[in-house]
């Protein structure tokens, strides 16, 4: 499974990339049919306190799952996206069983 990370309007450091990869790969324990992850880290308007946006698209057979969050830090936005995607992955797995 691949994790593709794009940082838009800034250069992400290795520590942030490693954090995002580690969090996103946790979804594998809920569903082993995940093909790849596309993660976009976007830096918004600097006047807003919550200007860090994370978008995660999870490619699974037959469908894609998506979550987007805007927070003060990329780490917090990533955590919230992974929490939302955890529920989506569990539902998708149940649908495939039935």
PDB file of N, CA and C in Angstrom:
ATOM      1  N   UNK A   1       0.840  -1.158   0.000  1.00  0.00           N
ATOM      2  CA  UNK A   1       0.000   0.000   0.000  1.00  0.00           C
ATOM      3  C   UNK A   1       0.894   1.232   0.000  1.00  0.00           C
ATOM      4  N   UNK A   2       0.464   2.256  -0.750  1.00  0.00           N
ATOM      5  CA  UNK A   2       1.244   3.471  -0.904  1.00  0.00           C
ATOM      6  C   UNK A   2       0.636   4.615  -0.109  1.00  0.00           C
ATOM      7  N   UNK A   3       1.513   5.462   0.415  1.00  0.00           N
ATOM      8  CA  UNK A   3       1.079   6.701   1.038  1.00  0.00           C
ATOM      9  C   UNK A   3       1.715   7.835   0.239  1.00  0.00           C
ATOM     10  N   UNK A   4       0.890   8.586  -0.482  1.00  0.00           N
ATOM     11  CA  UNK A   4       1.366   9.717  -1.264  1.00  0.00           C
ATOM     12  C   UNK A   4       0.996  10.998  -0.522  1.00  0.00           C
ATOM     13  N   UNK A   5       2.006  11.802  -0.189  1.00  0.00           N
ATOM     14  CA  UNK A   5       1.772  13.033   0.561  1.00  0.00           C
ATOM     15  C   UNK A   5       2.221  14.224  -0.274  1.00  0.00           C
ATOM     16  N   UNK A   6       1.328  15.194  -0.413  1.00  0.00           N
ATOM     17  CA  UNK A   6       1.645  16.435  -1.113  1.00  0.00           C
ATOM     18  C   UNK A   6       1.479  17.587  -0.134  1.00  0.00           C
ATOM     19  N   UNK A   7       2.457  18.477  -0.104  1.00  0.00           N
ATOM     20  CA  UNK A   7       2.326  19.687   0.707  1.00  0.00           C
ATOM     21  C   UNK A   7       2.199  20.863  -0.247  1.00  0.00           C
ATOM     22  N   UNK A   8       1.154  21.642  -0.060  1.00  0.00           N
ATOM     23  CA  UNK A   8       0.834  22.735  -0.969  1.00  0.00           C
ATOM     24  C   UNK A   8       1.084  24.068  -0.261  1.00  0.00           C
ATOM     25  N   UNK A   9       1.836  24.935  -0.909  1.00  0.00           N
ATOM     26  CA  UNK A   9       2.226  26.257  -0.424  1.00  0.00           C
ATOM     27  C   UNK A   9       3.280  26.230   0.669  1.00  0.00           C
ATOM     28  N   UNK A  10       3.906  25.082   0.914  1.00  0.00           N
ATOM     29  CA  UNK A  10       4.997  25.004   1.881  1.00  0.00           C
ATOM     30  C   UNK A  10       5.743  23.694   1.681  1.00  0.00           C
ATOM     31  N   UNK A  11       6.922  23.590   2.288  1.00  0.00           N
ATOM     32  CA  UNK A  11       7.702  22.352   2.258  1.00  0.00           C
ATOM     33  C   UNK A  11       7.585  21.680   3.619  1.00  0.00           C
ATOM     34  N   UNK A  12       6.975  20.505   3.631  1.00  0.00           N
ATOM     35  CA  UNK A  12       6.800  19.768   4.881  1.00  0.00           C
ATOM     36  C   UNK A  12       8.120  19.134   5.294  1.00  0.00           C
ATOM     37  N   UNK A  13       8.411  19.195   6.585  1.00  0.00           N
ATOM     38  CA  UNK A  13       9.642  18.564   7.064  1.00  0.00           C
ATOM     39  C   UNK A  13       9.430  17.070   7.270  1.00  0.00           C
ATOM     40  N   UNK A  14      10.524  16.368   7.407  1.00  0.00           N
ATOM     41  CA  UNK A  14      10.486  14.908   7.518  1.00  0.00           C
ATOM     42  C   UNK A  14       9.677  14.460   8.742  1.00  0.00           C
ATOM     43  N   UNK A  15       9.789  15.189   9.827  1.00  0.00           N
ATOM     44  CA  UNK A  15       9.063  14.827  11.055  1.00  0.00           C
ATOM     45  C   UNK A  15       7.552  14.826  10.818  1.00  0.00           C
ATOM     46  N   UNK A  16       7.049  15.842  10.127  1.00  0.00           N
ATOM     47  CA  UNK A  16       5.615  15.914   9.824  1.00  0.00           C
ATOM     48  C   UNK A  16       5.206  14.797   8.872  1.00  0.00           C
ATOM     49  N   UNK A  17       6.009  14.552   7.847  1.00  0.00           N
ATOM     50  CA  UNK A  17       5.698  13.483   6.889  1.00  0.00           C
ATOM     51  C   UNK A  17       5.661  12.121   7.567  1.00  0.00           C
ATOM     52  N   UNK A  18       6.613  11.876   8.468  1.00  0.00           N
ATOM     53  CA  UNK A  18       6.639  10.607   9.207  1.00  0.00           C
ATOM     54  C   UNK A  18       5.416  10.466  10.103  1.00  0.00           C
ATOM     55  N   UNK A  19       5.034  11.567  10.766  1.00  0.00           N
ATOM     56  CA  UNK A  19       3.854  11.548  11.635  1.00  0.00           C
ATOM     57  C   UNK A  19       2.601  11.193  10.838  1.00  0.00           C
ATOM     58  N   UNK A  20       2.407  11.876   9.710  1.00  0.00           N
ATOM     59  CA  UNK A  20       1.230  11.644   8.879  1.00  0.00           C
ATOM     60  C   UNK A  20       1.202  10.206   8.378  1.00  0.00           C
ATOM     61  N   UNK A  21       2.337   9.717   7.895  1.00  0.00           N
ATOM     62  CA  UNK A  21       2.416   8.338   7.394  1.00  0.00           C
ATOM     63  C   UNK A  21       2.066   7.341   8.485  1.00  0.00           C
ATOM     64  N   UNK A  22       2.622   7.546   9.670  1.00  0.00           N
ATOM     65  CA  UNK A  22       2.370   6.627  10.791  1.00  0.00           C
ATOM     66  C   UNK A  22       0.887   6.594  11.161  1.00  0.00           C
ATOM     67  N   UNK A  23       0.255   7.774  11.234  1.00  0.00           N
ATOM     68  CA  UNK A  23      -1.162   7.839  11.604  1.00  0.00           C
ATOM     69  C   UNK A  23      -2.054   7.200  10.544  1.00  0.00           C
ATOM     70  N   UNK A  24      -1.776   7.496   9.283  1.00  0.00           N
ATOM     71  CA  UNK A  24      -2.606   7.003   8.193  1.00  0.00           C
ATOM     72  C   UNK A  24      -2.497   5.484   8.066  1.00  0.00           C
ATOM     73  N   UNK A  25      -1.307   4.951   8.250  1.00  0.00           N
ATOM     74  CA  UNK A  25      -1.117   3.507   8.117  1.00  0.00           C
ATOM     75  C   UNK A  25      -1.845   2.719   9.203  1.00  0.00           C
ATOM     76  N   UNK A  26      -2.280   3.366  10.266  1.00  0.00           N
ATOM     77  CA  UNK A  26      -3.055   2.681  11.309  1.00  0.00           C
ATOM     78  C   UNK A  26      -4.390   2.173  10.781  1.00  0.00           C
ATOM     79  N   UNK A  27      -4.866   2.766   9.698  1.00  0.00           N
ATOM     80  CA  UNK A  27      -6.140   2.324   9.107  1.00  0.00           C
ATOM     81  C   UNK A  27      -6.025   0.906   8.543  1.00  0.00           C
ATOM     82  N   UNK A  28      -4.809   0.458   8.246  1.00  0.00           N
ATOM     83  CA  UNK A  28      -4.601  -0.890   7.709  1.00  0.00           C
ATOM     84  C   UNK A  28      -5.092  -1.978   8.652  1.00  0.00           C
ATOM     85  N   UNK A  29      -5.063  -1.714   9.959  1.00  0.00           N
ATOM     86  CA  UNK A  29      -5.480  -2.756  10.902  1.00  0.00           C
ATOM     87  C   UNK A  29      -6.994  -2.978  10.882  1.00  0.00           C
ATOM     88  N   UNK A  30      -7.749  -2.022  10.333  1.00  0.00           N
ATOM     89  CA  UNK A  30      -9.196  -2.172  10.249  1.00  0.00           C
ATOM     90  C   UNK A  30      -9.650  -2.816   8.947  1.00  0.00           C
ATOM     91  N   UNK A  31      -8.854  -2.658   7.886  1.00  0.00           N
ATOM     92  CA  UNK A  31      -9.254  -3.171   6.576  1.00  0.00           C
ATOM     93  C   UNK A  31      -8.004  -3.394   5.742  1.00  0.00           C
ATOM     94  N   UNK A  32      -7.768  -4.642   5.346  1.00  0.00           N
ATOM     95  CA  UNK A  32      -6.537  -4.957   4.614  1.00  0.00           C
ATOM     96  C   UNK A  32      -6.666  -4.768   3.103  1.00  0.00           C
ATOM     97  N   UNK A  33      -7.821  -4.315   2.624  1.00  0.00           N
ATOM     98  CA  UNK A  33      -8.019  -4.132   1.194  1.00  0.00           C
ATOM     99  C   UNK A  33      -7.684  -2.735   0.698  1.00  0.00           C
ATOM    100  N   UNK A  34      -7.051  -1.917   1.529  1.00  0.00           N
ATOM    101  CA  UNK A  34      -6.716  -0.551   1.143  1.00  0.00           C
ATOM    102  C   UNK A  34      -5.598  -0.573   0.111  1.00  0.00           C
ATOM    103  N   UNK A  35      -5.820   0.139  -0.994  1.00  0.00           N
ATOM    104  CA  UNK A  35      -4.857   0.168  -2.092  1.00  0.00           C
ATOM    105  C   UNK A  35      -3.811   1.257  -1.885  1.00  0.00           C
ATOM    106  N   UNK A  36      -4.284   2.494  -1.609  1.00  0.00           N
ATOM    107  CA  UNK A  36      -3.339   3.587  -1.378  1.00  0.00           C
ATOM    108  C   UNK A  36      -4.012   4.732  -0.636  1.00  0.00           C
ATOM    109  N   UNK A  37      -3.164   5.620  -0.136  1.00  0.00           N
ATOM    110  CA  UNK A  37      -3.613   6.818   0.562  1.00  0.00           C
ATOM    111  C   UNK A  37      -3.070   8.039  -0.172  1.00  0.00           C
ATOM    112  N   UNK A  38      -3.921   9.009  -0.424  1.00  0.00           N
ATOM    113  CA  UNK A  38      -3.488  10.302  -0.962  1.00  0.00           C
ATOM    114  C   UNK A  38      -3.744  11.335   0.119  1.00  0.00           C
ATOM    115  N   UNK A  39      -2.677  11.993   0.558  1.00  0.00           N
ATOM    116  CA  UNK A  39      -2.778  12.987   1.618  1.00  0.00           C
ATOM    117  C   UNK A  39      -2.335  14.334   1.065  1.00  0.00           C
ATOM    118  N   UNK A  40      -3.157  15.353   1.282  1.00  0.00           N
ATOM    119  CA  UNK A  40      -2.786  16.710   0.876  1.00  0.00           C
ATOM    120  C   UNK A  40      -2.757  17.592   2.108  1.00  0.00           C
ATOM    121  N   UNK A  41      -1.618  18.237   2.316  1.00  0.00           N
ATOM    122  CA  UNK A  41      -1.439  19.181   3.408  1.00  0.00           C
ATOM    123  C   UNK A  41      -1.452  20.577   2.789  1.00  0.00           C
ATOM    124  N   UNK A  42      -2.399  21.396   3.208  1.00  0.00           N
ATOM    125  CA  UNK A  42      -2.537  22.728   2.618  1.00  0.00           C
ATOM    126  C   UNK A  42      -2.408  23.795   3.688  1.00  0.00           C
ATOM    127  N   UNK A  43      -1.664  24.812   3.347  1.00  0.00           N
ATOM    128  CA  UNK A  43      -1.508  25.960   4.229  1.00  0.00           C
ATOM    129  C   UNK A  43      -2.430  27.055   3.738  1.00  0.00           C
ATOM    130  N   UNK A  44      -3.356  27.470   4.585  1.00  0.00           N
ATOM    131  CA  UNK A  44      -4.349  28.457   4.186  1.00  0.00           C
ATOM    132  C   UNK A  44      -3.905  29.874   4.478  1.00  0.00           C
ATOM    133  N   UNK A  45      -4.866  30.756   4.591  1.00  0.00           N
ATOM    134  CA  UNK A  45      -4.636  32.164   4.868  1.00  0.00           C
ATOM    135  C   UNK A  45      -3.987  32.322   6.241  1.00  0.00           C
ATOM    136  N   UNK A  46      -2.882  33.042   6.310  1.00  0.00           N
ATOM    137  CA  UNK A  46      -2.128  33.141   7.563  1.00  0.00           C
ATOM    138  C   UNK A  46      -2.829  34.000   8.612  1.00  0.00           C
ATOM    139  N   UNK A  47      -3.865  34.737   8.253  1.00  0.00           N
ATOM    140  CA  UNK A  47      -4.575  35.556   9.231  1.00  0.00           C
ATOM    141  C   UNK A  47      -5.553  34.737  10.067  1.00  0.00           C
ATOM    142  N   UNK A  48      -5.921  33.568   9.598  1.00  0.00           N
ATOM    143  CA  UNK A  48      -6.837  32.703  10.341  1.00  0.00           C
ATOM    144  C   UNK A  48      -6.044  31.822  11.306  1.00  0.00           C
ATOM    145  N   UNK A  49      -6.541  31.617  12.527  1.00  0.00           N
ATOM    146  CA  UNK A  49      -5.817  30.742  13.459  1.00  0.00           C
ATOM    147  C   UNK A  49      -5.847  29.269  13.025  1.00  0.00           C
ATOM    148  N   UNK A  50      -6.960  28.847  12.438  1.00  0.00           N
ATOM    149  CA  UNK A  50      -7.071  27.458  11.968  1.00  0.00           C
ATOM    150  C   UNK A  50      -6.843  27.441  10.465  1.00  0.00           C
ATOM    151  N   UNK A  51      -5.577  27.563  10.067  1.00  0.00           N
ATOM    152  CA  UNK A  51      -5.258  27.678   8.644  1.00  0.00           C
ATOM    153  C   UNK A  51      -4.550  26.451   8.073  1.00  0.00           C
ATOM    154  N   UNK A  52      -4.484  25.364   8.837  1.00  0.00           N
ATOM    155  CA  UNK A  52      -3.860  24.125   8.349  1.00  0.00           C
ATOM    156  C   UNK A  52      -4.952  23.155   7.948  1.00  0.00           C
ATOM    157  N   UNK A  53      -4.955  22.736   6.685  1.00  0.00           N
ATOM    158  CA  UNK A  53      -5.984  21.826   6.181  1.00  0.00           C
ATOM    159  C   UNK A  53      -5.342  20.513   5.740  1.00  0.00           C
ATOM    160  N   UNK A  54      -5.953  19.419   6.146  1.00  0.00           N
ATOM    161  CA  UNK A  54      -5.503  18.082   5.750  1.00  0.00           C
ATOM    162  C   UNK A  54      -6.657  17.388   5.043  1.00  0.00           C
ATOM    163  N   UNK A  55      -6.366  16.852   3.863  1.00  0.00           N
ATOM    164  CA  UNK A  55      -7.338  16.064   3.106  1.00  0.00           C
ATOM    165  C   UNK A  55      -6.735  14.683   2.889  1.00  0.00           C
ATOM    166  N   UNK A  56      -7.487  13.654   3.220  1.00  0.00           N
ATOM    167  CA  UNK A  56      -7.019  12.277   3.041  1.00  0.00           C
ATOM    168  C   UNK A  56      -8.044  11.518   2.216  1.00  0.00           C
ATOM    169  N   UNK A  57      -7.575  10.901   1.140  1.00  0.00           N
ATOM    170  CA  UNK A  57      -8.409  10.048   0.298  1.00  0.00           C
ATOM    171  C   UNK A  57      -7.842   8.631   0.396  1.00  0.00           C
ATOM    172  N   UNK A  58      -8.707   7.698   0.761  1.00  0.00           N
ATOM    173  CA  UNK A  58      -8.319   6.292   0.902  1.00  0.00           C
ATOM    174  C   UNK A  58      -8.929   5.521  -0.259  1.00  0.00           C
ATOM    175  N   UNK A  59      -8.086   4.904  -1.062  1.00  0.00           N
ATOM    176  CA  UNK A  59      -8.556   4.115  -2.203  1.00  0.00           C
ATOM    177  C   UNK A  59      -8.754   2.671  -1.779  1.00  0.00           C
ATOM    178  N   UNK A  60     -10.002   2.217  -1.884  1.00  0.00           N
ATOM    179  CA  UNK A  60     -10.320   0.817  -1.616  1.00  0.00           C
ATOM    180  C   UNK A  60     -11.033   0.279  -2.851  1.00  0.00           C
ATOM    181  N   UNK A  61     -11.068  -1.031  -3.027  1.00  0.00           N
ATOM    182  CA  UNK A  61     -11.740  -1.587  -4.201  1.00  0.00           C
ATOM    183  C   UNK A  61     -13.207  -1.148  -4.280  1.00  0.00           C
ATOM    184  N   UNK A  62     -13.567  -0.555  -5.410  1.00  0.00           N
ATOM    185  CA  UNK A  62     -14.941  -0.170  -5.637  1.00  0.00           C
ATOM    186  C   UNK A  62     -15.329   1.215  -5.158  1.00  0.00           C
ATOM    187  N   UNK A  63     -14.483   1.855  -4.376  1.00  0.00           N
ATOM    188  CA  UNK A  63     -14.880   3.136  -3.815  1.00  0.00           C
ATOM    189  C   UNK A  63     -13.673   3.858  -3.241  1.00  0.00           C
ATOM    190  N   UNK A  64     -13.816   5.157  -3.027  1.00  0.00           N
ATOM    191  CA  UNK A  64     -12.810   5.945  -2.314  1.00  0.00           C
ATOM    192  C   UNK A  64     -13.466   6.546  -1.085  1.00  0.00           C
ATOM    193  N   UNK A  65     -12.714   6.621  -0.011  1.00  0.00           N
ATOM    194  CA  UNK A  65     -13.187   7.257   1.213  1.00  0.00           C
ATOM    195  C   UNK A  65     -12.433   8.575   1.356  1.00  0.00           C
ATOM    196  N   UNK A  66     -13.083   9.591   1.939  1.00  0.00           N
ATOM    197  CA  UNK A  66     -12.474  10.908   1.990  1.00  0.00           C
ATOM    198  C   UNK A  66     -12.803  11.603   3.305  1.00  0.00           C
ATOM    199  N   UNK A  67     -11.805  12.310   3.834  1.00  0.00           N
ATOM    200  CA  UNK A  67     -12.019  13.147   5.014  1.00  0.00           C
ATOM    201  C   UNK A  67     -11.157  14.397   4.879  1.00  0.00           C
ATOM    202  N   UNK A  68     -11.694  15.502   5.376  1.00  0.00           N
ATOM    203  CA  UNK A  68     -10.985  16.778   5.328  1.00  0.00           C
ATOM    204  C   UNK A  68     -11.221  17.506   6.643  1.00  0.00           C
ATOM    205  N   UNK A  69     -10.152  18.042   7.219  1.00  0.00           N
ATOM    206  CA  UNK A  69     -10.267  18.792   8.465  1.00  0.00           C
ATOM    207  C   UNK A  69      -9.355  20.010   8.417  1.00  0.00           C
ATOM    208  N   UNK A  70      -9.776  21.042   9.153  1.00  0.00           N
ATOM    209  CA  UNK A  70      -9.034  22.291   9.245  1.00  0.00           C
ATOM    210  C   UNK A  70      -8.788  22.568  10.721  1.00  0.00           C
ATOM    211  N   UNK A  71      -7.515  22.713  11.112  1.00  0.00           N
ATOM    212  CA  UNK A  71      -7.174  22.913  12.520  1.00  0.00           C
ATOM    213  C   UNK A  71      -6.006  23.890  12.651  1.00  0.00           C
ATOM    214  N   UNK A  72      -5.581  24.092  13.887  1.00  0.00           N
ATOM    215  CA  UNK A  72      -4.431  24.971  14.141  1.00  0.00           C
ATOM    216  C   UNK A  72      -3.114  24.303  13.761  1.00  0.00           C
ATOM    217  N   UNK A  73      -3.068  22.971  13.842  1.00  0.00           N
ATOM    218  CA  UNK A  73      -1.848  22.246  13.485  1.00  0.00           C
ATOM    219  C   UNK A  73      -2.174  21.122  12.511  1.00  0.00           C
ATOM    220  N   UNK A  74      -1.184  20.750  11.714  1.00  0.00           N
ATOM    221  CA  UNK A  74      -1.365  19.637  10.787  1.00  0.00           C
ATOM    222  C   UNK A  74      -1.549  18.332  11.541  1.00  0.00           C
ATOM    223  N   UNK A  75      -0.891  18.204  12.684  1.00  0.00           N
ATOM    224  CA  UNK A  75      -0.992  16.973  13.466  1.00  0.00           C
ATOM    225  C   UNK A  75      -2.422  16.753  13.965  1.00  0.00           C
ATOM    226  N   UNK A  76      -3.038  17.810  14.485  1.00  0.00           N
ATOM    227  CA  UNK A  76      -4.411  17.685  14.990  1.00  0.00           C
ATOM    228  C   UNK A  76      -5.389  17.401  13.848  1.00  0.00           C
ATOM    229  N   UNK A  77      -5.212  18.076  12.727  1.00  0.00           N
ATOM    230  CA  UNK A  77      -6.083  17.838  11.575  1.00  0.00           C
ATOM    231  C   UNK A  77      -5.929  16.400  11.074  1.00  0.00           C
ATOM    232  N   UNK A  78      -4.705  15.891  11.084  1.00  0.00           N
ATOM    233  CA  UNK A  78      -4.452  14.512  10.659  1.00  0.00           C
ATOM    234  C   UNK A  78      -5.156  13.533  11.594  1.00  0.00           C
ATOM    235  N   UNK A  79      -5.035  13.756  12.890  1.00  0.00           N
ATOM    236  CA  UNK A  79      -5.701  12.875  13.868  1.00  0.00           C
ATOM    237  C   UNK A  79      -7.208  12.843  13.637  1.00  0.00           C
ATOM    238  N   UNK A  80      -7.806  14.008  13.446  1.00  0.00           N
ATOM    239  CA  UNK A  80      -9.252  14.069  13.240  1.00  0.00           C
ATOM    240  C   UNK A  80      -9.668  13.380  11.946  1.00  0.00           C
ATOM    241  N   UNK A  81      -8.880  13.538  10.890  1.00  0.00           N
ATOM    242  CA  UNK A  81      -9.184  12.859   9.624  1.00  0.00           C
ATOM    243  C   UNK A  81      -9.120  11.350   9.796  1.00  0.00           C
ATOM    244  N   UNK A  82      -8.094  10.879  10.488  1.00  0.00           N
ATOM    245  CA  UNK A  82      -7.938   9.431  10.677  1.00  0.00           C
ATOM    246  C   UNK A  82      -9.089   8.876  11.512  1.00  0.00           C
ATOM    247  N   UNK A  83      -9.540   9.624  12.511  1.00  0.00           N
ATOM    248  CA  UNK A  83     -10.691   9.182  13.304  1.00  0.00           C
ATOM    249  C   UNK A  83     -11.934   9.056  12.429  1.00  0.00           C
ATOM    250  N   UNK A  84     -12.170  10.042  11.586  1.00  0.00           N
ATOM    251  CA  UNK A  84     -13.337  10.002  10.691  1.00  0.00           C
ATOM    252  C   UNK A  84     -13.216   8.854   9.696  1.00  0.00           C
ATOM    253  N   UNK A  85     -12.025   8.661   9.165  1.00  0.00           N
ATOM    254  CA  UNK A  85     -11.821   7.588   8.190  1.00  0.00           C
ATOM    255  C   UNK A  85     -11.913   6.206   8.823  1.00  0.00           C
ATOM    256  N   UNK A  86     -11.578   6.102  10.094  1.00  0.00           N
ATOM    257  CA  UNK A  86     -11.697   4.815  10.784  1.00  0.00           C
ATOM    258  C   UNK A  86     -13.143   4.338  10.729  1.00  0.00           C
ATOM    259  N   UNK A  87     -14.085   5.241  11.001  1.00  0.00           N
ATOM    260  CA  UNK A  87     -15.502   4.880  10.954  1.00  0.00           C
ATOM    261  C   UNK A  87     -15.923   4.517   9.531  1.00  0.00           C
ATOM    262  N   UNK A  88     -15.432   5.273   8.551  1.00  0.00           N
ATOM    263  CA  UNK A  88     -15.785   5.000   7.158  1.00  0.00           C
ATOM    264  C   UNK A  88     -15.233   3.650   6.699  1.00  0.00           C
ATOM    265  N   UNK A  89     -14.015   3.346   7.105  1.00  0.00           N
ATOM    266  CA  UNK A  89     -13.389   2.069   6.722  1.00  0.00           C
ATOM    267  C   UNK A  89     -14.158   0.906   7.326  1.00  0.00           C
ATOM    268  N   UNK A  90     -14.559   1.039   8.583  1.00  0.00           N
ATOM    269  CA  UNK A  90     -15.327  -0.030   9.233  1.00  0.00           C
ATOM    270  C   UNK A  90     -16.659  -0.260   8.516  1.00  0.00           C
ATOM    271  N   UNK A  91     -17.336   0.830   8.129  1.00  0.00           N
ATOM    272  CA  UNK A  91     -18.600   0.695   7.405  1.00  0.00           C
ATOM    273  C   UNK A  91     -18.392   0.039   6.043  1.00  0.00           C
ATOM    274  N   UNK A  92     -17.335   0.454   5.345  1.00  0.00           N
ATOM    275  CA  UNK A  92     -17.052  -0.118   4.020  1.00  0.00           C
ATOM    276  C   UNK A  92     -16.753  -1.606   4.127  1.00  0.00           C
ATOM    277  N   UNK A  93     -16.054  -1.995   5.175  1.00  0.00           N
ATOM    278  CA  UNK A  93     -15.730  -3.411   5.380  1.00  0.00           C
ATOM    279  C   UNK A  93     -17.008  -4.217   5.640  1.00  0.00           C
ATOM    280  N   UNK A  94     -17.914  -3.663   6.427  1.00  0.00           N
ATOM    281  CA  UNK A  94     -19.183  -4.332   6.707  1.00  0.00           C
ATOM    282  C   UNK A  94     -20.004  -4.504   5.432  1.00  0.00           C
ATOM    283  N   UNK A  95     -20.037  -3.464   4.602  1.00  0.00           N
ATOM    284  CA  UNK A  95     -20.783  -3.542   3.349  1.00  0.00           C
ATOM    285  C   UNK A  95     -20.224  -4.621   2.439  1.00  0.00           C
ATOM    286  N   UNK A  96     -18.916  -4.766   2.412  1.00  0.00           N
ATOM    287  CA  UNK A  96     -18.291  -5.760   1.557  1.00  0.00           C
ATOM    288  C   UNK A  96     -18.583  -7.174   2.047  1.00  0.00           C
ATOM    289  N   UNK A  97     -18.725  -7.333   3.361  1.00  0.00           N
ATOM    290  CA  UNK A  97     -19.050  -8.653   3.931  1.00  0.00           C
ATOM    291  C   UNK A  97     -20.463  -9.086   3.524  1.00  0.00           C
ATOM    292  N   UNK A  98     -21.376  -8.121   3.512  1.00  0.00           N
ATOM    293  CA  UNK A  98     -22.777  -8.429   3.216  1.00  0.00           C
ATOM    294  C   UNK A  98     -22.975  -8.494   1.781  1.00  0.00           C
TER     295      UNK A  98
END
